[in-house]
N, C-alpha and C. Protein backbone atom coordinates (compact mmCIF):
# COMPACT_ATOMS: atom_id res chain seq x y z
N MET A 1 11.40 14.17 -0.99
CA MET A 1 10.74 13.04 -1.13
C MET A 1 10.63 12.07 -0.77
N TYR A 2 9.16 11.70 -0.24
CA TYR A 2 9.18 10.43 0.60
C TYR A 2 9.73 9.07 0.10
N GLU A 3 10.12 7.93 0.56
CA GLU A 3 10.45 6.80 0.08
C GLU A 3 9.48 6.00 0.87
N VAL A 4 8.70 5.36 -0.19
CA VAL A 4 7.34 4.11 0.05
C VAL A 4 7.86 2.63 0.18
N GLU A 5 7.62 2.11 1.62
CA GLU A 5 8.48 0.60 1.69
C GLU A 5 6.49 0.17 2.28
N LEU A 6 6.88 -0.93 1.05
CA LEU A 6 5.07 -1.69 1.04
C LEU A 6 5.35 -2.67 2.22
N LYS A 7 4.43 -3.11 2.92
CA LYS A 7 4.84 -4.36 4.31
C LYS A 7 4.02 -5.84 3.18
N PRO A 8 4.15 -6.99 3.67
CA PRO A 8 4.63 -8.23 2.61
C PRO A 8 2.89 -8.12 2.48
N GLN A 9 1.97 -7.76 3.56
CA GLN A 9 0.83 -8.05 3.60
C GLN A 9 -0.14 -7.17 2.53
N ALA A 10 0.67 -6.30 2.30
CA ALA A 10 0.13 -4.53 1.36
C ALA A 10 0.61 -5.73 0.02
N GLN A 11 1.81 -6.01 -0.03
CA GLN A 11 2.20 -6.97 -1.40
C GLN A 11 1.50 -7.61 -2.10
N ARG A 12 1.03 -8.71 -1.58
CA ARG A 12 0.44 -9.45 -1.37
C ARG A 12 -0.75 -9.35 -1.86
N PHE A 13 -1.66 -8.37 -1.53
CA PHE A 13 -2.91 -7.97 -1.67
C PHE A 13 -2.66 -7.18 -3.20
N ILE A 14 -2.04 -6.62 -3.36
CA ILE A 14 -1.53 -6.12 -4.86
C ILE A 14 -1.26 -6.84 -5.86
N LYS A 15 -0.61 -8.07 -5.36
CA LYS A 15 -0.15 -8.84 -6.16
C LYS A 15 -1.31 -9.63 -6.53
N ARG A 16 -2.37 -9.95 -6.11
CA ARG A 16 -3.99 -10.70 -6.34
C ARG A 16 -4.71 -10.21 -7.13
N GLN A 17 -4.33 -8.60 -7.63
CA GLN A 17 -5.36 -7.75 -7.92
C GLN A 17 -5.27 -8.01 -9.40
N GLY A 18 -6.24 -7.44 -10.03
CA GLY A 18 -6.21 -7.11 -11.32
C GLY A 18 -5.60 -6.10 -11.93
N GLN A 19 -5.46 -5.92 -13.15
CA GLN A 19 -4.38 -5.26 -14.19
C GLN A 19 -4.60 -3.44 -13.36
N LYS A 20 -6.46 -3.44 -14.28
CA LYS A 20 -6.64 -1.91 -14.11
C LYS A 20 -6.66 -1.60 -12.30
N VAL A 21 -6.42 -2.38 -11.21
CA VAL A 21 -7.13 -1.80 -10.10
C VAL A 21 -5.39 -2.32 -9.79
N LYS A 22 -4.62 -3.03 -9.85
CA LYS A 22 -3.04 -2.87 -9.70
C LYS A 22 -2.97 -1.57 -9.75
N ARG A 23 -2.92 -0.71 -11.01
CA ARG A 23 -2.53 0.34 -11.86
C ARG A 23 -2.86 1.31 -10.68
N GLN A 24 -4.19 1.37 -10.31
CA GLN A 24 -5.07 2.76 -9.79
C GLN A 24 -4.09 2.79 -8.36
N ILE A 25 -4.11 1.25 -7.83
CA ILE A 25 -3.50 1.20 -5.97
C ILE A 25 -2.35 1.89 -6.63
N ILE A 26 -1.60 1.58 -7.44
CA ILE A 26 -0.06 1.85 -7.29
C ILE A 26 0.43 3.37 -7.61
N ARG A 27 -0.53 3.72 -8.00
CA ARG A 27 -0.66 5.54 -8.68
C ARG A 27 -0.67 5.73 -7.48
N ASN A 28 -1.82 5.32 -6.92
CA ASN A 28 -2.30 6.45 -5.35
C ASN A 28 -0.53 5.92 -4.68
N ILE A 29 -0.43 4.95 -3.80
CA ILE A 29 1.09 4.79 -3.47
C ILE A 29 2.06 5.49 -4.16
N GLU A 30 2.37 5.44 -5.06
CA GLU A 30 3.63 6.45 -5.60
C GLU A 30 3.23 8.32 -5.57
N ALA A 31 2.10 8.35 -5.42
CA ALA A 31 2.37 9.60 -5.15
C ALA A 31 1.96 9.89 -3.48
N LEU A 32 1.91 9.27 -2.83
CA LEU A 32 1.95 9.27 -1.53
C LEU A 32 4.07 10.17 -1.09
N GLN A 33 4.80 9.75 -2.13
CA GLN A 33 6.01 9.97 -2.52
C GLN A 33 6.43 11.55 -2.03
N GLU A 34 5.49 12.19 -2.93
CA GLU A 34 5.84 13.85 -3.04
C GLU A 34 4.88 14.22 -2.27
N ASP A 35 3.27 13.89 -1.90
CA ASP A 35 2.59 14.09 -0.82
C ASP A 35 1.94 13.66 0.49
N PRO A 36 2.59 12.94 1.00
CA PRO A 36 2.27 11.94 2.50
C PRO A 36 0.78 12.57 2.72
N ARG A 37 0.75 13.62 2.92
CA ARG A 37 -1.08 13.62 3.69
C ARG A 37 -1.84 14.38 2.22
N PRO A 38 -2.21 13.83 0.96
CA PRO A 38 -3.23 14.73 0.62
C PRO A 38 -4.63 14.83 1.12
N PRO A 39 -5.21 16.18 0.76
CA PRO A 39 -6.59 16.48 1.19
C PRO A 39 -7.55 15.67 1.46
N SER A 40 -7.66 14.23 0.82
CA SER A 40 -8.07 13.31 0.85
C SER A 40 -7.58 12.28 1.70
N SER A 41 -6.67 12.25 2.48
CA SER A 41 -6.39 11.57 3.22
C SER A 41 -6.82 11.53 4.83
N LYS A 42 -7.18 10.75 5.78
CA LYS A 42 -8.21 10.53 7.17
C LYS A 42 -6.83 9.97 7.83
N LEU A 43 -6.80 11.05 8.79
CA LEU A 43 -5.94 10.79 9.88
C LEU A 43 -6.93 9.41 11.13
N LEU A 44 -5.69 8.66 10.98
CA LEU A 44 -6.68 7.29 11.96
C LEU A 44 -6.27 7.15 13.22
N ASP A 45 -4.67 7.35 13.85
CA ASP A 45 -4.02 7.99 14.91
C ASP A 45 -3.06 8.61 14.60
N GLY A 46 -3.28 9.36 15.68
CA GLY A 46 -2.32 10.71 15.47
C GLY A 46 -0.96 11.10 15.96
N ARG A 47 -0.80 9.75 17.30
CA ARG A 47 0.26 9.56 17.95
C ARG A 47 1.31 8.64 16.98
N LYS A 48 0.62 7.96 16.07
CA LYS A 48 1.59 6.84 15.64
C LYS A 48 1.40 7.40 13.57
N LYS A 49 0.64 8.53 13.87
CA LYS A 49 0.80 8.90 12.52
C LYS A 49 0.17 7.62 11.02
N ILE A 50 -0.85 7.53 11.32
CA ILE A 50 -1.42 6.34 10.73
C ILE A 50 -2.71 6.87 10.09
N TYR A 51 -2.40 7.02 8.77
CA TYR A 51 -3.57 7.74 7.83
C TYR A 51 -4.10 6.33 6.95
N ARG A 52 -5.31 7.14 6.11
CA ARG A 52 -5.69 6.42 5.30
C ARG A 52 -6.12 7.13 3.71
N ILE A 53 -5.92 6.63 2.93
CA ILE A 53 -6.96 7.25 1.51
C ILE A 53 -7.11 5.97 1.03
N ARG A 54 -8.37 6.45 -0.16
CA ARG A 54 -8.88 6.18 -0.59
C ARG A 54 -8.54 5.35 -2.45
N SER A 55 -9.27 4.49 -2.68
CA SER A 55 -8.69 4.32 -3.92
C SER A 55 -9.66 3.42 -4.57
N GLY A 56 -10.87 3.89 -4.83
CA GLY A 56 -11.25 3.45 -5.39
C GLY A 56 -12.32 3.07 -4.65
N ASN A 57 -13.12 1.48 -4.85
CA ASN A 57 -13.30 0.69 -3.73
C ASN A 57 -12.59 -0.05 -2.67
N TYR A 58 -11.23 0.55 -2.51
CA TYR A 58 -9.84 -0.32 -1.57
C TYR A 58 -9.39 1.21 -0.83
N ARG A 59 -8.57 0.46 0.47
CA ARG A 59 -8.00 1.96 1.06
C ARG A 59 -6.63 1.14 1.58
N ILE A 60 -5.99 2.44 1.54
CA ILE A 60 -5.06 2.26 1.61
C ILE A 60 -4.50 3.08 3.49
N VAL A 61 -3.74 1.94 4.13
CA VAL A 61 -3.26 2.54 5.66
C VAL A 61 -2.23 2.43 5.12
N TYR A 62 -1.34 4.00 5.96
CA TYR A 62 -0.10 3.86 6.13
C TYR A 62 0.04 4.83 6.91
N GLN A 63 1.60 4.49 7.65
CA GLN A 63 2.66 5.60 8.57
C GLN A 63 3.54 6.73 7.51
N VAL A 64 3.45 7.99 8.28
CA VAL A 64 4.47 8.89 7.88
C VAL A 64 5.39 8.84 8.99
N LYS A 65 6.40 8.41 8.16
CA LYS A 65 7.86 8.75 8.97
C LYS A 65 8.60 9.68 8.95
N ASP A 66 8.44 11.44 9.55
CA ASP A 66 8.67 12.67 8.86
C ASP A 66 10.19 12.56 9.08
N LYS A 67 10.59 12.17 10.13
CA LYS A 67 12.12 12.61 10.35
C LYS A 67 13.19 11.80 9.20
N VAL A 68 12.40 10.47 9.06
CA VAL A 68 13.56 9.69 7.88
C VAL A 68 12.94 9.82 6.64
N LEU A 69 11.99 10.37 6.43
CA LEU A 69 11.09 10.83 5.07
C LEU A 69 10.64 9.17 4.30
N LEU A 70 10.25 8.77 5.37
CA LEU A 70 9.49 7.23 5.37
C LEU A 70 7.65 7.22 4.93
N VAL A 71 7.49 6.74 4.03
CA VAL A 71 6.35 6.35 3.96
C VAL A 71 6.11 4.76 4.09
N ILE A 72 4.92 4.02 5.45
CA ILE A 72 5.08 2.59 5.10
C ILE A 72 3.58 2.45 4.83
N VAL A 73 3.66 1.74 3.91
CA VAL A 73 1.95 1.05 3.58
C VAL A 73 1.78 -0.08 4.60
N ALA A 74 1.11 -0.38 5.10
CA ALA A 74 0.69 -1.37 5.84
C ALA A 74 -0.42 -2.76 5.43
N LYS A 75 -1.58 -2.07 5.05
CA LYS A 75 -2.63 -2.75 4.60
C LYS A 75 -3.12 -2.42 3.47
N VAL A 76 -3.83 -2.71 2.67
CA VAL A 76 -4.43 -2.01 1.58
C VAL A 76 -5.46 -3.36 0.91
N ASP A 77 -7.01 -2.74 1.52
CA ASP A 77 -8.21 -3.94 1.17
C ASP A 77 -8.88 -3.39 1.03
N ASP A 78 -10.27 -4.13 0.41
CA ASP A 78 -11.31 -3.71 0.12
C ASP A 78 -12.17 -2.87 1.03
N ARG A 79 -12.92 -1.44 0.42
CA ARG A 79 -13.40 -0.54 2.15
C ARG A 79 -14.43 -1.84 2.95
N LYS A 80 -14.92 -2.70 2.70
CA LYS A 80 -15.50 -3.79 3.49
C LYS A 80 -14.58 -4.82 4.26
N ASN A 81 -13.75 -4.61 3.99
CA ASN A 81 -12.83 -5.67 5.19
C ASN A 81 -11.65 -4.83 5.34
N ILE A 82 -11.38 -3.40 5.46
CA ILE A 82 -9.58 -2.83 5.83
C ILE A 82 -9.71 -2.60 7.42
N TYR A 83 -11.14 -2.45 7.69
CA TYR A 83 -11.30 -2.14 8.97
C TYR A 83 -11.52 -3.59 9.99
N LYS A 84 -11.72 -4.78 9.56
CA LYS A 84 -11.02 -6.22 10.18
C LYS A 84 -9.53 -6.15 10.26
N ASN A 85 -9.58 -6.20 12.00
CA ASN A 85 -8.01 -6.61 12.15
C ASN A 85 -6.90 -5.43 11.92
N LEU A 86 -7.71 -3.87 11.94
CA LEU A 86 -7.36 -2.90 12.18
C LEU A 86 -6.37 -2.29 13.37
N LYS A 87 -6.80 -2.85 13.90
CA LYS A 87 -6.45 -2.17 15.50
C LYS A 87 -5.05 -2.95 15.24
N TYR A 88 -5.10 -4.59 15.13
CA TYR A 88 -3.48 -5.31 15.27
C TYR A 88 -2.31 -4.81 14.58
N VAL A 89 -3.14 -4.07 12.95
CA VAL A 89 -2.22 -3.47 12.05
C VAL A 89 -1.28 -2.17 12.84
N THR A 90 -2.18 -1.52 13.40
CA THR A 90 -1.70 0.00 13.65
C THR A 90 -0.65 -0.24 15.21
N GLU A 91 -1.25 -1.43 15.80
CA GLU A 91 -0.50 -1.51 16.61
C GLU A 91 0.96 -1.98 16.77
N ARG A 92 1.07 -3.17 15.55
CA ARG A 92 2.04 -3.55 15.39
C ARG A 92 3.22 -2.62 14.65
N LEU A 93 2.60 -1.58 13.90
CA LEU A 93 3.31 -0.38 13.41
C LEU A 93 3.75 1.00 14.47
N GLY A 94 2.80 0.90 15.37
CA GLY A 94 3.25 1.72 16.31
C GLY A 94 4.80 1.35 17.12
N LYS A 95 5.13 0.26 16.90
CA LYS A 95 6.69 -0.80 17.28
C LYS A 95 7.44 -0.30 16.37
N ILE A 96 7.22 0.14 15.07
CA ILE A 96 8.22 0.13 14.18
C ILE A 96 9.20 1.07 14.75
């Protein structure tokens, strides 16, 4: 079972959402503990092992660290905004 770590940016976004959306996003993030690469996930960067999953109109961008059984959720945002500054987020994840 993987441990899930939320970056501050992801935490802030989730905190600002309504109860229904918040529950939906949290349920999807918790599911990553059992299977960090569900069939619906999309690989965004193979070298850094960065993936994206959908949660309704929202996207969850995360990195999988298999050696330490860790999933780092870097960014959660609306589907129309998620790819803005994504390069910056993935560059920072690569340094972790």
